[in-house]
């Protein structure tokens, strides 16, 4: 048997609680293209529109959209535990 431990984690609210500064710091360690980092920062800073008003967000990531398929793969790695 390779290991003795089984870890079950509920990540249902993971993307609602991601800290923008920590996520960007982790991405900057792996991504050198500043354009990609600027796009990601703009995506995070886009905010949420409710009842026609845009509300700023300081944590969490937008759900859906063109960048969604790439973000989980980048965020859900060994650095996930410090986000």
PDB file of N, CA and C in Angstrom:
ATOM      1  N   UNK A   1       0.845  -1.186   0.000  1.00  0.00           N
ATOM      2  CA  UNK A   1       0.000   0.000   0.000  1.00  0.00           C
ATOM      3  C   UNK A   1       0.885   1.243   0.000  1.00  0.00           C
ATOM      4  N   UNK A   2       0.581   2.182  -0.884  1.00  0.00           N
ATOM      5  CA  UNK A   2       1.415   3.368  -1.057  1.00  0.00           C
ATOM      6  C   UNK A   2       1.291   4.363   0.087  1.00  0.00           C
ATOM      7  N   UNK A   3       0.125   4.516   0.658  1.00  0.00           N
ATOM      8  CA  UNK A   3      -0.051   5.501   1.721  1.00  0.00           C
ATOM      9  C   UNK A   3      -1.050   5.028   2.752  1.00  0.00           C
ATOM     10  N   UNK A   4      -1.100   5.733   3.866  1.00  0.00           N
ATOM     11  CA  UNK A   4      -1.985   5.351   4.953  1.00  0.00           C
ATOM     12  C   UNK A   4      -3.138   6.318   5.154  1.00  0.00           C
ATOM     13  N   UNK A   5      -3.121   7.446   4.479  1.00  0.00           N
ATOM     14  CA  UNK A   5      -4.107   8.492   4.736  1.00  0.00           C
ATOM     15  C   UNK A   5      -4.999   8.743   3.527  1.00  0.00           C
ATOM     16  N   UNK A   6      -6.242   9.023   3.804  1.00  0.00           N
ATOM     17  CA  UNK A   6      -7.179   9.456   2.779  1.00  0.00           C
ATOM     18  C   UNK A   6      -7.716  10.800   3.240  1.00  0.00           C
ATOM     19  N   UNK A   7      -7.672  11.781   2.373  1.00  0.00           N
ATOM     20  CA  UNK A   7      -8.123  13.123   2.718  1.00  0.00           C
ATOM     21  C   UNK A   7      -9.314  13.489   1.845  1.00  0.00           C
ATOM     22  N   UNK A   8     -10.409  13.831   2.480  1.00  0.00           N
ATOM     23  CA  UNK A   8     -11.584  14.282   1.750  1.00  0.00           C
ATOM     24  C   UNK A   8     -11.776  15.760   2.049  1.00  0.00           C
ATOM     25  N   UNK A   9     -11.885  16.559   1.002  1.00  0.00           N
ATOM     26  CA  UNK A   9     -11.986  18.002   1.166  1.00  0.00           C
ATOM     27  C   UNK A   9     -13.201  18.507   0.412  1.00  0.00           C
ATOM     28  N   UNK A  10     -13.970  19.356   1.046  1.00  0.00           N
ATOM     29  CA  UNK A  10     -15.132  19.967   0.397  1.00  0.00           C
ATOM     30  C   UNK A  10     -14.687  21.303  -0.183  1.00  0.00           C
ATOM     31  N   UNK A  11     -14.602  21.387  -1.515  1.00  0.00           N
ATOM     32  CA  UNK A  11     -14.152  22.627  -2.145  1.00  0.00           C
ATOM     33  C   UNK A  11     -15.315  23.418  -2.731  1.00  0.00           C
ATOM     34  N   UNK A  12     -16.521  23.127  -2.260  1.00  0.00           N
ATOM     35  CA  UNK A  12     -17.716  23.768  -2.795  1.00  0.00           C
ATOM     36  C   UNK A  12     -17.583  25.294  -2.815  1.00  0.00           C
ATOM     37  N   UNK A  13     -17.069  25.898  -1.767  1.00  0.00           N
ATOM     38  CA  UNK A  13     -16.963  27.361  -1.697  1.00  0.00           C
ATOM     39  C   UNK A  13     -15.542  27.862  -1.928  1.00  0.00           C
ATOM     40  N   UNK A  14     -14.669  27.014  -2.437  1.00  0.00           N
ATOM     41  CA  UNK A  14     -13.274  27.414  -2.624  1.00  0.00           C
ATOM     42  C   UNK A  14     -13.141  28.678  -3.463  1.00  0.00           C
ATOM     43  N   UNK A  15     -13.793  28.709  -4.613  1.00  0.00           N
ATOM     44  CA  UNK A  15     -13.627  29.841  -5.522  1.00  0.00           C
ATOM     45  C   UNK A  15     -14.335  31.099  -5.040  1.00  0.00           C
ATOM     46  N   UNK A  16     -15.191  30.988  -4.040  1.00  0.00           N
ATOM     47  CA  UNK A  16     -15.835  32.165  -3.445  1.00  0.00           C
ATOM     48  C   UNK A  16     -14.916  32.872  -2.463  1.00  0.00           C
ATOM     49  N   UNK A  17     -13.879  32.210  -2.021  1.00  0.00           N
ATOM     50  CA  UNK A  17     -13.041  32.741  -0.949  1.00  0.00           C
ATOM     51  C   UNK A  17     -11.583  32.992  -1.351  1.00  0.00           C
ATOM     52  N   UNK A  18     -11.244  32.803  -2.605  1.00  0.00           N
ATOM     53  CA  UNK A  18      -9.857  32.981  -3.052  1.00  0.00           C
ATOM     54  C   UNK A  18      -9.438  34.446  -2.867  1.00  0.00           C
ATOM     55  N   UNK A  19      -8.323  34.649  -2.185  1.00  0.00           N
ATOM     56  CA  UNK A  19      -7.769  35.981  -1.972  1.00  0.00           C
ATOM     57  C   UNK A  19      -7.071  36.433  -3.257  1.00  0.00           C
ATOM     58  N   UNK A  20      -7.471  37.588  -3.791  1.00  0.00           N
ATOM     59  CA  UNK A  20      -6.923  38.066  -5.068  1.00  0.00           C
ATOM     60  C   UNK A  20      -5.413  38.266  -5.018  1.00  0.00           C
ATOM     61  N   UNK A  21      -4.910  38.866  -3.940  1.00  0.00           N
ATOM     62  CA  UNK A  21      -3.472  39.156  -3.856  1.00  0.00           C
ATOM     63  C   UNK A  21      -2.652  37.869  -3.792  1.00  0.00           C
ATOM     64  N   UNK A  22      -3.113  36.913  -3.025  1.00  0.00           N
ATOM     65  CA  UNK A  22      -2.381  35.645  -2.924  1.00  0.00           C
ATOM     66  C   UNK A  22      -2.443  34.865  -4.234  1.00  0.00           C
ATOM     67  N   UNK A  23      -3.593  34.867  -4.873  1.00  0.00           N
ATOM     68  CA  UNK A  23      -3.720  34.169  -6.156  1.00  0.00           C
ATOM     69  C   UNK A  23      -2.774  34.784  -7.183  1.00  0.00           C
ATOM     70  N   UNK A  24      -2.755  36.111  -7.268  1.00  0.00           N
ATOM     71  CA  UNK A  24      -1.881  36.773  -8.245  1.00  0.00           C
ATOM     72  C   UNK A  24      -0.410  36.513  -7.933  1.00  0.00           C
ATOM     73  N   UNK A  25      -0.049  36.475  -6.659  1.00  0.00           N
ATOM     74  CA  UNK A  25       1.342  36.195  -6.280  1.00  0.00           C
ATOM     75  C   UNK A  25       1.739  34.786  -6.706  1.00  0.00           C
ATOM     76  N   UNK A  26       0.842  33.816  -6.514  1.00  0.00           N
ATOM     77  CA  UNK A  26       1.136  32.440  -6.923  1.00  0.00           C
ATOM     78  C   UNK A  26       1.229  32.323  -8.439  1.00  0.00           C
ATOM     79  N   UNK A  27       0.327  32.987  -9.154  1.00  0.00           N
ATOM     80  CA  UNK A  27       0.366  32.942 -10.613  1.00  0.00           C
ATOM     81  C   UNK A  27       1.634  33.599 -11.152  1.00  0.00           C
ATOM     82  N   UNK A  28       2.052  34.704 -10.527  1.00  0.00           N
ATOM     83  CA  UNK A  28       3.248  35.425 -10.986  1.00  0.00           C
ATOM     84  C   UNK A  28       4.508  34.570 -10.838  1.00  0.00           C
ATOM     85  N   UNK A  29       4.498  33.620  -9.936  1.00  0.00           N
ATOM     86  CA  UNK A  29       5.645  32.726  -9.788  1.00  0.00           C
ATOM     87  C   UNK A  29       5.758  31.755 -10.965  1.00  0.00           C
ATOM     88  N   UNK A  30       4.627  31.463 -11.611  1.00  0.00           N
ATOM     89  CA  UNK A  30       4.616  30.471 -12.678  1.00  0.00           C
ATOM     90  C   UNK A  30       4.412  31.055 -14.062  1.00  0.00           C
ATOM     91  N   UNK A  31       3.860  32.264 -14.145  1.00  0.00           N
ATOM     92  CA  UNK A  31       3.542  32.873 -15.441  1.00  0.00           C
ATOM     93  C   UNK A  31       4.397  34.121 -15.608  1.00  0.00           C
ATOM     94  N   UNK A  32       5.178  34.175 -16.662  1.00  0.00           N
ATOM     95  CA  UNK A  32       6.057  35.326 -16.873  1.00  0.00           C
ATOM     96  C   UNK A  32       5.464  36.350 -17.831  1.00  0.00           C
ATOM     97  N   UNK A  33       4.439  35.991 -18.561  1.00  0.00           N
ATOM     98  CA  UNK A  33       3.814  36.895 -19.524  1.00  0.00           C
ATOM     99  C   UNK A  33       2.955  37.919 -18.779  1.00  0.00           C
ATOM    100  N   UNK A  34       3.408  39.156 -18.758  1.00  0.00           N
ATOM    101  CA  UNK A  34       2.710  40.226 -18.025  1.00  0.00           C
ATOM    102  C   UNK A  34       1.311  40.477 -18.575  1.00  0.00           C
ATOM    103  N   UNK A  35       1.101  40.222 -19.869  1.00  0.00           N
ATOM    104  CA  UNK A  35      -0.232  40.418 -20.452  1.00  0.00           C
ATOM    105  C   UNK A  35      -1.249  39.466 -19.834  1.00  0.00           C
ATOM    106  N   UNK A  36      -0.827  38.235 -19.628  1.00  0.00           N
ATOM    107  CA  UNK A  36      -1.713  37.244 -19.007  1.00  0.00           C
ATOM    108  C   UNK A  36      -2.020  37.645 -17.569  1.00  0.00           C
ATOM    109  N   UNK A  37      -1.020  38.118 -16.852  1.00  0.00           N
ATOM    110  CA  UNK A  37      -1.230  38.554 -15.467  1.00  0.00           C
ATOM    111  C   UNK A  37      -2.152  39.773 -15.403  1.00  0.00           C
ATOM    112  N   UNK A  38      -1.972  40.727 -16.326  1.00  0.00           N
ATOM    113  CA  UNK A  38      -2.861  41.903 -16.353  1.00  0.00           C
ATOM    114  C   UNK A  38      -4.292  41.505 -16.678  1.00  0.00           C
ATOM    115  N   UNK A  39      -4.472  40.587 -17.618  1.00  0.00           N
ATOM    116  CA  UNK A  39      -5.801  40.105 -17.964  1.00  0.00           C
ATOM    117  C   UNK A  39      -6.459  39.428 -16.759  1.00  0.00           C
ATOM    118  N   UNK A  40      -5.695  38.600 -16.077  1.00  0.00           N
ATOM    119  CA  UNK A  40      -6.226  37.900 -14.907  1.00  0.00           C
ATOM    120  C   UNK A  40      -6.610  38.883 -13.814  1.00  0.00           C
ATOM    121  N   UNK A  41      -5.768  39.890 -13.570  1.00  0.00           N
ATOM    122  CA  UNK A  41      -6.071  40.908 -12.560  1.00  0.00           C
ATOM    123  C   UNK A  41      -7.343  41.667 -12.950  1.00  0.00           C
ATOM    124  N   UNK A  42      -7.486  42.035 -14.207  1.00  0.00           N
ATOM    125  CA  UNK A  42      -8.688  42.742 -14.666  1.00  0.00           C
ATOM    126  C   UNK A  42      -9.927  41.866 -14.504  1.00  0.00           C
ATOM    127  N   UNK A  43      -9.790  40.585 -14.786  1.00  0.00           N
ATOM    128  CA  UNK A  43     -10.897  39.642 -14.633  1.00  0.00           C
ATOM    129  C   UNK A  43     -11.333  39.567 -13.168  1.00  0.00           C
ATOM    130  N   UNK A  44     -10.352  39.519 -12.259  1.00  0.00           N
ATOM    131  CA  UNK A  44     -10.670  39.473 -10.825  1.00  0.00           C
ATOM    132  C   UNK A  44     -11.296  40.777 -10.346  1.00  0.00           C
ATOM    133  N   UNK A  45     -10.846  41.904 -10.899  1.00  0.00           N
ATOM    134  CA  UNK A  45     -11.325  43.217 -10.456  1.00  0.00           C
ATOM    135  C   UNK A  45     -12.619  43.659 -11.137  1.00  0.00           C
ATOM    136  N   UNK A  46     -13.159  42.839 -12.005  1.00  0.00           N
ATOM    137  CA  UNK A  46     -14.346  43.233 -12.764  1.00  0.00           C
ATOM    138  C   UNK A  46     -15.544  43.509 -11.868  1.00  0.00           C
ATOM    139  N   UNK A  47     -15.631  42.874 -10.724  1.00  0.00           N
ATOM    140  CA  UNK A  47     -16.748  43.096  -9.814  1.00  0.00           C
ATOM    141  C   UNK A  47     -17.970  42.286 -10.194  1.00  0.00           C
ATOM    142  N   UNK A  48     -19.045  42.556  -9.485  1.00  0.00           N
ATOM    143  CA  UNK A  48     -20.300  41.831  -9.673  1.00  0.00           C
ATOM    144  C   UNK A  48     -21.410  42.843  -9.890  1.00  0.00           C
ATOM    145  N   UNK A  49     -22.264  42.600 -10.879  1.00  0.00           N
ATOM    146  CA  UNK A  49     -23.386  43.507 -11.116  1.00  0.00           C
ATOM    147  C   UNK A  49     -24.649  42.910 -10.498  1.00  0.00           C
ATOM    148  N   UNK A  50     -25.250  43.680  -9.590  1.00  0.00           N
ATOM    149  CA  UNK A  50     -26.510  43.284  -8.968  1.00  0.00           C
ATOM    150  C   UNK A  50     -27.474  44.450  -9.065  1.00  0.00           C
ATOM    151  N   UNK A  51     -28.636  44.202  -9.595  1.00  0.00           N
ATOM    152  CA  UNK A  51     -29.663  45.239  -9.772  1.00  0.00           C
ATOM    153  C   UNK A  51     -29.140  46.446 -10.536  1.00  0.00           C
ATOM    154  N   UNK A  52     -28.282  46.209 -11.522  1.00  0.00           N
ATOM    155  CA  UNK A  52     -27.769  47.282 -12.359  1.00  0.00           C
ATOM    156  C   UNK A  52     -26.606  48.061 -11.766  1.00  0.00           C
ATOM    157  N   UNK A  53     -26.159  47.709 -10.561  1.00  0.00           N
ATOM    158  CA  UNK A  53     -25.035  48.386  -9.918  1.00  0.00           C
ATOM    159  C   UNK A  53     -23.845  47.440  -9.830  1.00  0.00           C
ATOM    160  N   UNK A  54     -22.657  47.945 -10.173  1.00  0.00           N
ATOM    161  CA  UNK A  54     -21.444  47.142 -10.091  1.00  0.00           C
ATOM    162  C   UNK A  54     -20.875  47.266  -8.692  1.00  0.00           C
ATOM    163  N   UNK A  55     -20.630  46.121  -8.075  1.00  0.00           N
ATOM    164  CA  UNK A  55     -20.073  46.079  -6.721  1.00  0.00           C
ATOM    165  C   UNK A  55     -18.674  45.475  -6.799  1.00  0.00           C
ATOM    166  N   UNK A  56     -17.691  46.141  -6.209  1.00  0.00           N
ATOM    167  CA  UNK A  56     -16.315  45.645  -6.225  1.00  0.00           C
ATOM    168  C   UNK A  56     -16.209  44.358  -5.416  1.00  0.00           C
ATOM    169  N   UNK A  57     -15.298  43.484  -5.835  1.00  0.00           N
ATOM    170  CA  UNK A  57     -15.033  42.257  -5.099  1.00  0.00           C
ATOM    171  C   UNK A  57     -13.569  42.233  -4.694  1.00  0.00           C
ATOM    172  N   UNK A  58     -13.303  41.728  -3.511  1.00  0.00           N
ATOM    173  CA  UNK A  58     -11.931  41.685  -3.001  1.00  0.00           C
ATOM    174  C   UNK A  58     -11.457  40.263  -2.756  1.00  0.00           C
ATOM    175  N   UNK A  59     -12.386  39.327  -2.845  1.00  0.00           N
ATOM    176  CA  UNK A  59     -12.020  37.921  -2.748  1.00  0.00           C
ATOM    177  C   UNK A  59     -12.975  37.135  -3.632  1.00  0.00           C
ATOM    178  N   UNK A  60     -12.593  35.927  -3.935  1.00  0.00           N
ATOM    179  CA  UNK A  60     -13.411  35.101  -4.803  1.00  0.00           C
ATOM    180  C   UNK A  60     -13.070  35.346  -6.265  1.00  0.00           C
ATOM    181  N   UNK A  61     -13.474  34.414  -7.099  1.00  0.00           N
ATOM    182  CA  UNK A  61     -13.218  34.539  -8.521  1.00  0.00           C
ATOM    183  C   UNK A  61     -14.542  34.491  -9.264  1.00  0.00           C
ATOM    184  N   UNK A  62     -14.641  35.202 -10.379  1.00  0.00           N
ATOM    185  CA  UNK A  62     -15.877  35.168 -11.159  1.00  0.00           C
ATOM    186  C   UNK A  62     -16.175  33.747 -11.636  1.00  0.00           C
ATOM    187  N   UNK A  63     -17.417  33.379 -11.632  1.00  0.00           N
ATOM    188  CA  UNK A  63     -17.823  32.050 -12.076  1.00  0.00           C
ATOM    189  C   UNK A  63     -18.287  32.147 -13.528  1.00  0.00           C
ATOM    190  N   UNK A  64     -17.726  31.305 -14.377  1.00  0.00           N
ATOM    191  CA  UNK A  64     -18.072  31.327 -15.786  1.00  0.00           C
ATOM    192  C   UNK A  64     -17.203  32.319 -16.539  1.00  0.00           C
ATOM    193  N   UNK A  65     -17.466  32.467 -17.800  1.00  0.00           N
ATOM    194  CA  UNK A  65     -16.709  33.410 -18.609  1.00  0.00           C
ATOM    195  C   UNK A  65     -15.574  32.736 -19.360  1.00  0.00           C
ATOM    196  N   UNK A  66     -14.907  33.500 -20.197  1.00  0.00           N
ATOM    197  CA  UNK A  66     -13.888  32.949 -21.089  1.00  0.00           C
ATOM    198  C   UNK A  66     -12.644  32.447 -20.375  1.00  0.00           C
ATOM    199  N   UNK A  67     -12.299  32.998 -19.236  1.00  0.00           N
ATOM    200  CA  UNK A  67     -11.079  32.578 -18.539  1.00  0.00           C
ATOM    201  C   UNK A  67     -11.326  31.448 -17.551  1.00  0.00           C
ATOM    202  N   UNK A  68     -12.555  31.098 -17.305  1.00  0.00           N
ATOM    203  CA  UNK A  68     -12.871  30.099 -16.289  1.00  0.00           C
ATOM    204  C   UNK A  68     -12.174  28.755 -16.484  1.00  0.00           C
ATOM    205  N   UNK A  69     -12.113  28.200 -17.693  1.00  0.00           N
ATOM    206  CA  UNK A  69     -11.480  26.878 -17.822  1.00  0.00           C
ATOM    207  C   UNK A  69     -10.006  26.861 -17.433  1.00  0.00           C
ATOM    208  N   UNK A  70      -9.312  27.981 -17.528  1.00  0.00           N
ATOM    209  CA  UNK A  70      -7.882  28.001 -17.214  1.00  0.00           C
ATOM    210  C   UNK A  70      -7.599  28.239 -15.743  1.00  0.00           C
ATOM    211  N   UNK A  71      -8.419  29.014 -15.068  1.00  0.00           N
ATOM    212  CA  UNK A  71      -8.152  29.365 -13.678  1.00  0.00           C
ATOM    213  C   UNK A  71      -8.133  28.183 -12.717  1.00  0.00           C
ATOM    214  N   UNK A  72      -9.101  27.277 -12.759  1.00  0.00           N
ATOM    215  CA  UNK A  72      -9.055  26.192 -11.781  1.00  0.00           C
ATOM    216  C   UNK A  72      -7.779  25.366 -11.876  1.00  0.00           C
ATOM    217  N   UNK A  73      -7.311  25.109 -13.087  1.00  0.00           N
ATOM    218  CA  UNK A  73      -6.089  24.324 -13.242  1.00  0.00           C
ATOM    219  C   UNK A  73      -4.903  25.048 -12.628  1.00  0.00           C
ATOM    220  N   UNK A  74      -4.862  26.361 -12.743  1.00  0.00           N
ATOM    221  CA  UNK A  74      -3.756  27.127 -12.178  1.00  0.00           C
ATOM    222  C   UNK A  74      -3.884  27.255 -10.663  1.00  0.00           C
ATOM    223  N   UNK A  75      -5.104  27.416 -10.174  1.00  0.00           N
ATOM    224  CA  UNK A  75      -5.311  27.649  -8.750  1.00  0.00           C
ATOM    225  C   UNK A  75      -5.273  26.370  -7.933  1.00  0.00           C
ATOM    226  N   UNK A  76      -5.753  25.268  -8.491  1.00  0.00           N
ATOM    227  CA  UNK A  76      -5.856  24.028  -7.733  1.00  0.00           C
ATOM    228  C   UNK A  76      -4.593  23.191  -7.891  1.00  0.00           C
ATOM    229  N   UNK A  77      -3.525  23.628  -7.281  1.00  0.00           N
ATOM    230  CA  UNK A  77      -2.295  22.841  -7.275  1.00  0.00           C
ATOM    231  C   UNK A  77      -1.768  22.814  -5.846  1.00  0.00           C
ATOM    232  N   UNK A  78      -0.517  22.518  -5.664  1.00  0.00           N
ATOM    233  CA  UNK A  78       0.018  22.425  -4.307  1.00  0.00           C
ATOM    234  C   UNK A  78      -0.044  23.752  -3.556  1.00  0.00           C
ATOM    235  N   UNK A  79      -0.123  24.864  -4.276  1.00  0.00           N
ATOM    236  CA  UNK A  79      -0.201  26.162  -3.603  1.00  0.00           C
ATOM    237  C   UNK A  79      -1.620  26.490  -3.132  1.00  0.00           C
ATOM    238  N   UNK A  80      -2.593  25.631  -3.457  1.00  0.00           N
ATOM    239  CA  UNK A  80      -3.977  25.871  -3.065  1.00  0.00           C
ATOM    240  C   UNK A  80      -4.106  26.049  -1.559  1.00  0.00           C
ATOM    241  N   UNK A  81      -3.351  25.324  -0.816  1.00  0.00           N
ATOM    242  CA  UNK A  81      -3.504  25.334   0.635  1.00  0.00           C
ATOM    243  C   UNK A  81      -3.168  26.685   1.247  1.00  0.00           C
ATOM    244  N   UNK A  82      -2.386  27.510   0.582  1.00  0.00           N
ATOM    245  CA  UNK A  82      -2.055  28.819   1.166  1.00  0.00           C
ATOM    246  C   UNK A  82      -2.954  29.928   0.658  1.00  0.00           C
ATOM    247  N   UNK A  83      -3.831  29.646  -0.308  1.00  0.00           N
ATOM    248  CA  UNK A  83      -4.743  30.658  -0.801  1.00  0.00           C
ATOM    249  C   UNK A  83      -5.827  30.879   0.230  1.00  0.00           C
TER     250      UNK A  83
END
